[in-house]
Amino acid sequence: MKRNPKSAWMAIRSVQYNFFGEPSRFFYIHAKVAGIPFDGLHAYQGTDATMQIQVASLFRVVDAKGEKMSRGETVTLFNDMCFMAPSTLVSGNIRWKQLDDLRVRAWYTNGPHTISADLIFNETGELIDFLSNDRYLCEDGKTYQSYPWSTPIGKYRELDGRRTPGYGEAIWKMPEGDYCYAAFDMEEIEFNPTGFRP
C-alpha cells in the first residue's frame, strides 16, 4: 500500500457532529501549511452535501457540491453510523445481505440516494473494515473519480461509556494500488451532546 512518508503527513485537527433524526453530518478541519491556515467544512444536511476549503479564511479554493458529492457523502454518513452509532442501523432505510460468516452487504437509502457497502468483521464480532464503490474522489471541487473506498479501523476502547474504535484509516483502492490518504486517532467522543463546542 502506498502511503505518504511520515514527514509528508499534514497534521489536521478535526471536529465532527452527526445527527440521525434528519440525517446530518458536519466535519470541520483546521490545518497549517508553511504557517498559512487552511479551514475545511464537509456539510451533509438532509440529502445534500457540500465541501468547502478556504485559505487564511479569505480565499475559497474548493467549493464542491452536486449529485456526486451528495451521493458520496451519503456513504460517509453511513460509514459513521456503522462505526460510531450502530444503534442507528435498525433503520428501515437499510437492507442487509449476509455474504459469509464475517461479511455483510448493506444498502442505505436517504432521499434520492441509495448506496451500498460491505461491512467486514473479525472473529470476535468487531467491525474492522467498510468498503464501498459509491464514494467519489474529488480534490478540486469539479472533477470526480470513482474508486473503491475502504476505512479499516481498530484499537477498540471505551469512550463515553461505549466500546468505540480508537483508530482508523481512509484508503482509495486505485488501479495502481491502495493509497492511504488519511489516518485518524479518536481523542474523544460524546453521545447526545447538549450543544456545539467552540
Foldseek 3Di string as FASTA:
>chain_A
DDEDPPVPDWDKDWDKDFDDVQGKIWIWIWGDDPNKIKIWIWIATQQWIWIWMDINVPRIQATATDDLSSLQVVLVSVVCCVFPPVVVVVDPQKDWDDPDPFKIKIWGDGVPHIFIWIWGADPVGHTFKIKGQRHWDDDRNPDTDTFIKMKGFAPWDAAQRDTGTQKIWIWGQDPVGIYTDDIDGDDHDDPPDPDDDD
